[in-house]
Amino acid sequence: MVKIGGIFVCLLIVAMDIGAGILGIEAELEQNKVKQLRLWIFECREPSHPAFKLGLGAAALLVLAHVIANLLGGCNNCICSQEELQKAPPNRQLSLACLVFTWVILAVGLSMLVIGTWSNHKSRASCGFTHHHFLSIGGILCFVHGLFCVAYYITATSTD
């Protein structure tokens, strides 16, 4: 029964991260459909409401997948010193490395999605430096986040 629950959690995390990635890439495509005036490195463009909604959905799914992976992965990774890290079994070390990577990928991916989403807010019709590909890069990082979250969940919940 525990195995079936673990498989379900892994599939849920992967599905949410894949959904977030697809929404991020779709938001980038919607953003590229609006009128743009470009002059060298400066650009003026209208915000895209569909891109805003898709980007917001991608960010929400990414955060939700991260919360689920961390809550269900458990809190057994408390390593407070270098000595404890060296004495820990390899499985626990791998779990800690995956946990750190998931947090880094979340920080970068969520930042990209938020910047791309915010540039499509209704009141943000602006001119300035070009901000290309924030949403699609954030979407791609959602896929990577899914891989590391599943690796973390598997290593954190397996027996030593």
N, C-alpha and C. Protein backbone atom coordinates (compact mmCIF):
# COMPACT_ATOMS: atom_id res chain seq x y z
N MET A 1 0.82 -1.20 0.00
CA MET A 1 0.00 0.00 0.00
C MET A 1 0.86 1.27 0.00
N VAL A 2 1.97 1.22 0.76
CA VAL A 2 2.85 2.38 0.82
C VAL A 2 3.48 2.64 -0.54
N LYS A 3 3.81 1.55 -1.26
CA LYS A 3 4.40 1.71 -2.60
C LYS A 3 3.44 2.41 -3.55
N ILE A 4 2.16 2.04 -3.48
CA ILE A 4 1.16 2.64 -4.36
C ILE A 4 1.00 4.13 -4.02
N GLY A 5 1.02 4.45 -2.73
CA GLY A 5 0.95 5.85 -2.31
C GLY A 5 2.15 6.64 -2.80
N GLY A 6 3.33 6.05 -2.72
CA GLY A 6 4.55 6.71 -3.19
C GLY A 6 4.52 6.95 -4.69
N ILE A 7 4.05 5.96 -5.43
CA ILE A 7 3.94 6.11 -6.89
C ILE A 7 2.94 7.21 -7.22
N PHE A 8 1.82 7.24 -6.49
CA PHE A 8 0.82 8.28 -6.71
C PHE A 8 1.39 9.67 -6.44
N VAL A 9 2.14 9.82 -5.34
CA VAL A 9 2.73 11.12 -5.01
C VAL A 9 3.72 11.54 -6.10
N CYS A 10 4.56 10.60 -6.56
CA CYS A 10 5.52 10.93 -7.62
C CYS A 10 4.81 11.35 -8.90
N LEU A 11 3.77 10.61 -9.27
CA LEU A 11 3.02 10.98 -10.47
C LEU A 11 2.32 12.32 -10.32
N LEU A 12 1.82 12.60 -9.13
CA LEU A 12 1.18 13.89 -8.87
C LEU A 12 2.17 15.04 -9.01
N ILE A 13 3.35 14.88 -8.43
CA ILE A 13 4.38 15.92 -8.51
C ILE A 13 4.81 16.15 -9.95
N VAL A 14 5.05 15.05 -10.67
CA VAL A 14 5.47 15.16 -12.07
C VAL A 14 4.37 15.80 -12.91
N ALA A 15 3.13 15.40 -12.69
CA ALA A 15 2.02 15.98 -13.47
C ALA A 15 1.88 17.47 -13.21
N MET A 16 2.03 17.88 -11.96
CA MET A 16 1.91 19.31 -11.64
C MET A 16 3.06 20.10 -12.24
N ASP A 17 4.27 19.56 -12.17
CA ASP A 17 5.41 20.28 -12.75
C ASP A 17 5.34 20.30 -14.28
N ILE A 18 4.88 19.23 -14.89
CA ILE A 18 4.72 19.23 -16.35
C ILE A 18 3.63 20.24 -16.73
N GLY A 19 2.54 20.26 -15.98
CA GLY A 19 1.49 21.25 -16.24
C GLY A 19 2.01 22.66 -16.11
N ALA A 20 2.81 22.91 -15.07
CA ALA A 20 3.39 24.25 -14.88
C ALA A 20 4.31 24.60 -16.04
N GLY A 21 5.11 23.64 -16.47
CA GLY A 21 6.02 23.89 -17.59
C GLY A 21 5.28 24.20 -18.88
N ILE A 22 4.23 23.45 -19.15
CA ILE A 22 3.44 23.69 -20.36
C ILE A 22 2.75 25.05 -20.28
N LEU A 23 2.21 25.39 -19.12
CA LEU A 23 1.57 26.70 -18.97
C LEU A 23 2.58 27.84 -19.16
N GLY A 24 3.79 27.67 -18.64
CA GLY A 24 4.82 28.70 -18.81
C GLY A 24 5.19 28.90 -20.27
N ILE A 25 5.34 27.81 -20.99
CA ILE A 25 5.69 27.90 -22.42
C ILE A 25 4.52 28.47 -23.21
N GLU A 26 3.30 28.05 -22.89
CA GLU A 26 2.12 28.62 -23.55
C GLU A 26 1.99 30.12 -23.27
N ALA A 27 2.32 30.53 -22.05
CA ALA A 27 2.27 31.96 -21.72
C ALA A 27 3.26 32.74 -22.57
N GLU A 28 4.43 32.17 -22.80
CA GLU A 28 5.42 32.82 -23.66
C GLU A 28 4.88 32.96 -25.09
N LEU A 29 4.21 31.93 -25.58
CA LEU A 29 3.64 31.99 -26.93
C LEU A 29 2.54 33.05 -27.02
N GLU A 30 1.70 33.13 -25.99
CA GLU A 30 0.65 34.16 -25.96
C GLU A 30 1.25 35.55 -25.89
N GLN A 31 2.33 35.70 -25.12
CA GLN A 31 2.99 37.00 -24.99
C GLN A 31 3.55 37.46 -26.33
N ASN A 32 4.03 36.52 -27.13
CA ASN A 32 4.63 36.87 -28.42
C ASN A 32 3.58 37.26 -29.46
N LYS A 33 2.31 37.04 -29.18
CA LYS A 33 1.25 37.39 -30.12
C LYS A 33 0.83 38.86 -30.06
N VAL A 34 1.22 39.58 -29.01
CA VAL A 34 0.80 40.98 -28.88
C VAL A 34 1.68 41.89 -29.73
N LYS A 35 1.15 43.12 -29.98
CA LYS A 35 1.90 44.09 -30.78
C LYS A 35 3.16 44.52 -30.05
N GLN A 36 4.25 44.59 -30.82
CA GLN A 36 5.52 45.02 -30.25
C GLN A 36 6.19 46.00 -31.21
N LEU A 37 6.84 46.99 -30.65
CA LEU A 37 7.67 47.90 -31.41
C LEU A 37 9.05 47.80 -30.82
N ARG A 38 10.01 47.41 -31.66
CA ARG A 38 11.35 47.15 -31.15
C ARG A 38 12.36 48.07 -31.84
N LEU A 39 13.24 48.67 -31.04
CA LEU A 39 14.30 49.52 -31.55
C LEU A 39 15.57 49.17 -30.80
N TRP A 40 16.44 48.46 -31.45
CA TRP A 40 17.71 48.00 -30.90
C TRP A 40 17.47 47.14 -29.66
N ILE A 41 17.84 47.58 -28.45
CA ILE A 41 17.61 46.77 -27.26
C ILE A 41 16.38 47.23 -26.48
N PHE A 42 15.68 48.24 -27.00
CA PHE A 42 14.48 48.75 -26.34
C PHE A 42 13.25 48.20 -27.06
N GLU A 43 12.19 48.03 -26.30
CA GLU A 43 10.97 47.50 -26.89
C GLU A 43 9.76 48.11 -26.18
N CYS A 44 8.73 48.38 -26.97
CA CYS A 44 7.45 48.82 -26.43
C CYS A 44 6.42 47.76 -26.82
N ARG A 45 5.64 47.32 -25.84
CA ARG A 45 4.64 46.32 -26.16
C ARG A 45 3.47 46.41 -25.20
N GLU A 46 2.35 45.92 -25.67
CA GLU A 46 1.14 45.85 -24.87
C GLU A 46 1.19 44.60 -24.00
N PRO A 47 0.60 44.66 -22.82
CA PRO A 47 0.54 43.44 -22.01
C PRO A 47 -0.47 42.45 -22.58
N SER A 48 -0.25 41.19 -22.31
CA SER A 48 -1.14 40.13 -22.79
C SER A 48 -1.84 39.50 -21.59
N HIS A 49 -3.16 39.68 -21.51
CA HIS A 49 -3.90 39.12 -20.39
C HIS A 49 -3.89 37.59 -20.38
N PRO A 50 -4.02 36.92 -21.55
CA PRO A 50 -3.91 35.45 -21.52
C PRO A 50 -2.54 34.98 -21.03
N ALA A 51 -1.48 35.68 -21.41
CA ALA A 51 -0.14 35.32 -20.93
C ALA A 51 -0.04 35.53 -19.43
N PHE A 52 -0.68 36.58 -18.93
CA PHE A 52 -0.68 36.84 -17.49
C PHE A 52 -1.35 35.69 -16.74
N LYS A 53 -2.53 35.26 -17.22
CA LYS A 53 -3.25 34.17 -16.55
C LYS A 53 -2.48 32.86 -16.62
N LEU A 54 -1.90 32.56 -17.77
CA LEU A 54 -1.14 31.32 -17.91
C LEU A 54 0.12 31.33 -17.04
N GLY A 55 0.80 32.46 -16.99
CA GLY A 55 1.99 32.58 -16.15
C GLY A 55 1.66 32.44 -14.68
N LEU A 56 0.54 33.03 -14.28
CA LEU A 56 0.10 32.93 -12.89
C LEU A 56 -0.23 31.48 -12.53
N GLY A 57 -0.88 30.78 -13.45
CA GLY A 57 -1.18 29.37 -13.23
C GLY A 57 0.07 28.52 -13.14
N ALA A 58 1.05 28.82 -13.99
CA ALA A 58 2.32 28.08 -13.97
C ALA A 58 3.04 28.28 -12.64
N ALA A 59 3.08 29.51 -12.17
CA ALA A 59 3.75 29.80 -10.89
C ALA A 59 3.03 29.10 -9.74
N ALA A 60 1.71 29.11 -9.75
CA ALA A 60 0.94 28.47 -8.68
C ALA A 60 1.17 26.96 -8.67
N LEU A 61 1.17 26.34 -9.84
CA LEU A 61 1.41 24.89 -9.90
C LEU A 61 2.82 24.53 -9.46
N LEU A 62 3.79 25.35 -9.82
CA LEU A 62 5.18 25.10 -9.40
C LEU A 62 5.30 25.14 -7.88
N VAL A 63 4.71 26.15 -7.27
CA VAL A 63 4.77 26.28 -5.81
C VAL A 63 4.03 25.12 -5.15
N LEU A 64 2.88 24.76 -5.67
CA LEU A 64 2.10 23.67 -5.09
C LEU A 64 2.85 22.34 -5.18
N ALA A 65 3.49 22.07 -6.31
CA ALA A 65 4.27 20.84 -6.46
C ALA A 65 5.43 20.83 -5.47
N HIS A 66 6.05 21.97 -5.27
CA HIS A 66 7.18 22.05 -4.34
C HIS A 66 6.71 21.81 -2.90
N VAL A 67 5.60 22.40 -2.54
CA VAL A 67 5.07 22.23 -1.18
C VAL A 67 4.72 20.76 -0.94
N ILE A 68 4.06 20.13 -1.89
CA ILE A 68 3.68 18.73 -1.73
C ILE A 68 4.91 17.84 -1.60
N ALA A 69 5.91 18.05 -2.44
CA ALA A 69 7.12 17.23 -2.38
C ALA A 69 7.84 17.40 -1.05
N ASN A 70 7.89 18.63 -0.54
CA ASN A 70 8.59 18.86 0.71
C ASN A 70 7.80 18.38 1.92
N LEU A 71 6.50 18.55 1.91
CA LEU A 71 5.70 18.09 3.04
C LEU A 71 5.64 16.56 3.11
N LEU A 72 5.45 15.92 1.97
CA LEU A 72 5.33 14.47 1.97
C LEU A 72 6.69 13.77 1.97
N GLY A 73 7.74 14.50 1.61
CA GLY A 73 9.08 13.93 1.64
C GLY A 73 9.61 13.75 3.05
N GLY A 74 9.05 14.49 3.97
CA GLY A 74 9.44 14.33 5.36
C GLY A 74 10.52 15.32 5.78
N CYS A 75 10.78 15.31 7.06
CA CYS A 75 11.76 16.24 7.63
C CYS A 75 12.92 15.48 8.25
N ASN A 76 13.34 14.40 7.65
CA ASN A 76 14.41 13.60 8.24
C ASN A 76 15.80 13.98 7.70
N ASN A 77 15.91 15.14 7.10
CA ASN A 77 17.18 15.55 6.52
C ASN A 77 17.92 16.56 7.38
N CYS A 78 17.68 16.57 8.66
CA CYS A 78 18.32 17.54 9.52
C CYS A 78 19.79 17.18 9.71
N ILE A 79 20.64 17.82 8.95
CA ILE A 79 22.08 17.64 9.07
C ILE A 79 22.65 19.01 9.43
N CYS A 80 23.20 19.11 10.62
CA CYS A 80 23.59 20.41 11.16
C CYS A 80 25.08 20.71 11.05
N SER A 81 25.89 19.73 10.69
CA SER A 81 27.32 19.98 10.63
C SER A 81 27.95 19.18 9.49
N GLN A 82 29.15 19.56 9.14
CA GLN A 82 29.89 18.86 8.09
C GLN A 82 30.17 17.42 8.52
N GLU A 83 30.42 17.23 9.80
CA GLU A 83 30.70 15.89 10.32
C GLU A 83 29.48 14.98 10.17
N GLU A 84 28.30 15.50 10.48
CA GLU A 84 27.08 14.72 10.32
C GLU A 84 26.85 14.37 8.85
N LEU A 85 27.17 15.31 7.97
CA LEU A 85 27.00 15.06 6.54
C LEU A 85 27.91 13.95 6.07
N GLN A 86 29.16 13.94 6.54
CA GLN A 86 30.11 12.91 6.12
C GLN A 86 29.74 11.54 6.69
N LYS A 87 29.15 11.50 7.88
CA LYS A 87 28.77 10.23 8.51
C LYS A 87 27.43 9.71 8.00
N ALA A 88 26.65 10.56 7.37
CA ALA A 88 25.32 10.16 6.89
C ALA A 88 25.46 9.13 5.77
N PRO A 89 24.49 8.22 5.69
CA PRO A 89 24.52 7.24 4.59
C PRO A 89 24.37 7.95 3.24
N PRO A 90 24.86 7.32 2.17
CA PRO A 90 24.80 7.95 0.84
C PRO A 90 23.38 8.32 0.43
N ASN A 91 22.41 7.52 0.80
CA ASN A 91 21.02 7.81 0.45
C ASN A 91 20.57 9.14 1.06
N ARG A 92 20.96 9.37 2.30
CA ARG A 92 20.59 10.61 2.98
C ARG A 92 21.34 11.81 2.39
N GLN A 93 22.59 11.60 1.99
CA GLN A 93 23.36 12.67 1.35
C GLN A 93 22.72 13.05 0.02
N LEU A 94 22.32 12.04 -0.75
CA LEU A 94 21.66 12.29 -2.03
C LEU A 94 20.34 13.01 -1.82
N SER A 95 19.61 12.62 -0.79
CA SER A 95 18.35 13.28 -0.47
C SER A 95 18.57 14.76 -0.16
N LEU A 96 19.58 15.05 0.62
CA LEU A 96 19.89 16.43 0.96
C LEU A 96 20.30 17.24 -0.27
N ALA A 97 21.11 16.62 -1.14
CA ALA A 97 21.53 17.32 -2.37
C ALA A 97 20.31 17.62 -3.25
N CYS A 98 19.41 16.65 -3.39
CA CYS A 98 18.20 16.88 -4.19
C CYS A 98 17.33 17.97 -3.57
N LEU A 99 17.25 17.98 -2.24
CA LEU A 99 16.47 19.01 -1.56
C LEU A 99 17.03 20.40 -1.85
N VAL A 100 18.34 20.54 -1.77
CA VAL A 100 18.98 21.84 -2.06
C VAL A 100 18.72 22.24 -3.50
N PHE A 101 18.87 21.29 -4.44
CA PHE A 101 18.63 21.60 -5.85
C PHE A 101 17.18 22.01 -6.09
N THR A 102 16.23 21.35 -5.42
CA THR A 102 14.83 21.73 -5.63
C THR A 102 14.58 23.16 -5.18
N TRP A 103 15.19 23.56 -4.06
CA TRP A 103 15.00 24.93 -3.58
C TRP A 103 15.64 25.95 -4.52
N VAL A 104 16.83 25.62 -5.05
CA VAL A 104 17.49 26.55 -5.98
C VAL A 104 16.68 26.67 -7.27
N ILE A 105 16.24 25.53 -7.79
CA ILE A 105 15.45 25.55 -9.03
C ILE A 105 14.13 26.27 -8.81
N LEU A 106 13.51 26.07 -7.65
CA LEU A 106 12.27 26.79 -7.34
C LEU A 106 12.52 28.30 -7.33
N ALA A 107 13.59 28.73 -6.68
CA ALA A 107 13.88 30.17 -6.59
C ALA A 107 14.09 30.78 -7.96
N VAL A 108 14.88 30.13 -8.80
CA VAL A 108 15.17 30.68 -10.13
C VAL A 108 13.94 30.58 -11.03
N GLY A 109 13.31 29.40 -11.07
CA GLY A 109 12.15 29.20 -11.94
C GLY A 109 10.98 30.08 -11.57
N LEU A 110 10.69 30.19 -10.27
CA LEU A 110 9.59 31.03 -9.83
C LEU A 110 9.88 32.50 -10.12
N SER A 111 11.12 32.91 -9.92
CA SER A 111 11.50 34.30 -10.24
C SER A 111 11.27 34.60 -11.72
N MET A 112 11.68 33.68 -12.57
CA MET A 112 11.48 33.87 -14.02
C MET A 112 9.99 33.96 -14.36
N LEU A 113 9.21 33.06 -13.78
CA LEU A 113 7.76 33.08 -14.06
C LEU A 113 7.10 34.35 -13.53
N VAL A 114 7.50 34.80 -12.36
CA VAL A 114 6.90 36.01 -11.79
C VAL A 114 7.29 37.24 -12.60
N ILE A 115 8.55 37.34 -13.01
CA ILE A 115 8.98 38.49 -13.82
C ILE A 115 8.22 38.50 -15.15
N GLY A 116 8.14 37.34 -15.80
CA GLY A 116 7.42 37.26 -17.07
C GLY A 116 5.94 37.52 -16.92
N THR A 117 5.36 37.04 -15.83
CA THR A 117 3.93 37.26 -15.58
C THR A 117 3.66 38.72 -15.26
N TRP A 118 4.49 39.31 -14.42
CA TRP A 118 4.29 40.71 -14.02
C TRP A 118 4.40 41.65 -15.23
N SER A 119 5.25 41.32 -16.19
CA SER A 119 5.37 42.18 -17.37
C SER A 119 4.10 42.14 -18.23
N ASN A 120 3.21 41.19 -17.97
CA ASN A 120 1.96 41.10 -18.71
C ASN A 120 0.75 41.56 -17.90
N HIS A 121 0.99 42.22 -16.79
CA HIS A 121 -0.11 42.75 -15.97
C HIS A 121 -0.80 43.85 -16.76
N LYS A 122 -2.10 44.03 -16.56
CA LYS A 122 -2.89 44.99 -17.34
C LYS A 122 -2.31 46.40 -17.34
N SER A 123 -1.82 46.84 -16.22
CA SER A 123 -1.35 48.22 -16.11
C SER A 123 0.12 48.37 -16.47
N ARG A 124 0.72 47.38 -17.13
CA ARG A 124 2.15 47.41 -17.37
C ARG A 124 2.52 47.66 -18.83
N ALA A 125 1.70 48.36 -19.59
CA ALA A 125 2.08 48.71 -20.95
C ALA A 125 3.26 49.65 -20.84
N SER A 126 4.42 49.18 -21.31
CA SER A 126 5.62 49.97 -21.06
C SER A 126 6.63 49.81 -22.17
N CYS A 127 7.62 50.67 -22.09
CA CYS A 127 8.76 50.61 -22.98
C CYS A 127 10.01 50.48 -22.12
N GLY A 128 10.95 49.72 -22.60
CA GLY A 128 12.17 49.55 -21.83
C GLY A 128 13.04 48.48 -22.47
N PHE A 129 13.95 47.93 -21.67
CA PHE A 129 14.81 46.87 -22.16
C PHE A 129 13.98 45.64 -22.47
N THR A 130 14.45 44.87 -23.42
CA THR A 130 13.72 43.67 -23.80
C THR A 130 13.82 42.63 -22.70
N HIS A 131 12.70 41.99 -22.42
CA HIS A 131 12.63 40.91 -21.43
C HIS A 131 12.06 39.68 -22.12
N HIS A 132 12.92 39.02 -22.87
CA HIS A 132 12.45 37.87 -23.63
C HIS A 132 12.69 36.58 -22.89
N HIS A 133 11.82 35.67 -23.11
CA HIS A 133 11.96 34.27 -22.73
C HIS A 133 11.92 33.99 -21.23
N PHE A 134 11.50 34.94 -20.40
CA PHE A 134 11.39 34.66 -18.97
C PHE A 134 10.38 33.55 -18.72
N LEU A 135 9.25 33.61 -19.38
CA LEU A 135 8.19 32.62 -19.15
C LEU A 135 8.59 31.24 -19.66
N SER A 136 9.22 31.17 -20.82
CA SER A 136 9.60 29.85 -21.34
C SER A 136 10.76 29.25 -20.54
N ILE A 137 11.70 30.06 -20.10
CA ILE A 137 12.79 29.54 -19.26
C ILE A 137 12.22 29.06 -17.93
N GLY A 138 11.30 29.83 -17.35
CA GLY A 138 10.64 29.39 -16.13
C GLY A 138 9.88 28.09 -16.35
N GLY A 139 9.24 27.95 -17.51
CA GLY A 139 8.52 26.72 -17.83
C GLY A 139 9.45 25.53 -17.95
N ILE A 140 10.59 25.72 -18.58
CA ILE A 140 11.57 24.63 -18.71
C ILE A 140 12.11 24.24 -17.33
N LEU A 141 12.33 25.23 -16.48
CA LEU A 141 12.81 24.92 -15.13
C LEU A 141 11.77 24.16 -14.32
N CYS A 142 10.50 24.30 -14.66
CA CYS A 142 9.46 23.50 -14.00
C CYS A 142 9.67 22.01 -14.28
N PHE A 143 10.06 21.67 -15.51
CA PHE A 143 10.34 20.27 -15.84
C PHE A 143 11.51 19.74 -15.01
N VAL A 144 12.57 20.54 -14.91
CA VAL A 144 13.75 20.15 -14.14
C VAL A 144 13.38 20.02 -12.66
N HIS A 145 12.55 20.93 -12.19
CA HIS A 145 12.10 20.89 -10.80
C HIS A 145 11.37 19.57 -10.51
N GLY A 146 10.56 19.13 -11.44
CA GLY A 146 9.85 17.87 -11.27
C GLY A 146 10.79 16.69 -11.11
N LEU A 147 11.87 16.66 -11.90
CA LEU A 147 12.84 15.57 -11.79
C LEU A 147 13.49 15.55 -10.41
N PHE A 148 13.94 16.70 -9.94
CA PHE A 148 14.62 16.75 -8.65
C PHE A 148 13.66 16.53 -7.49
N CYS A 149 12.41 16.97 -7.61
CA CYS A 149 11.43 16.73 -6.55
C CYS A 149 11.14 15.24 -6.41
N VAL A 150 11.00 14.54 -7.52
CA VAL A 150 10.76 13.10 -7.46
C VAL A 150 11.98 12.39 -6.90
N ALA A 151 13.17 12.80 -7.32
CA ALA A 151 14.39 12.20 -6.77
C ALA A 151 14.48 12.45 -5.27
N TYR A 152 14.13 13.65 -4.85
CA TYR A 152 14.13 13.96 -3.41
C TYR A 152 13.12 13.10 -2.68
N TYR A 153 11.91 13.01 -3.18
CA TYR A 153 10.86 12.25 -2.51
C TYR A 153 11.27 10.78 -2.38
N ILE A 154 11.80 10.22 -3.46
CA ILE A 154 12.19 8.80 -3.43
C ILE A 154 13.31 8.55 -2.44
N THR A 155 14.33 9.40 -2.46
CA THR A 155 15.46 9.19 -1.55
C THR A 155 15.10 9.52 -0.11
N ALA A 156 14.21 10.49 0.10
CA ALA A 156 13.84 10.87 1.47
C ALA A 156 12.93 9.84 2.12
N THR A 157 12.12 9.16 1.35
CA THR A 157 11.18 8.22 1.93
C THR A 157 11.67 6.78 1.89
N SER A 158 12.78 6.52 1.21
CA SER A 158 13.31 5.15 1.18
C SER A 158 14.01 4.85 2.50
N THR A 159 14.14 3.58 2.80
CA THR A 159 14.81 3.18 4.03
C THR A 159 16.32 3.20 3.82
N ASP A 160 17.04 3.53 4.87
CA ASP A 160 18.52 3.60 4.78
C ASP A 160 19.13 2.22 4.72
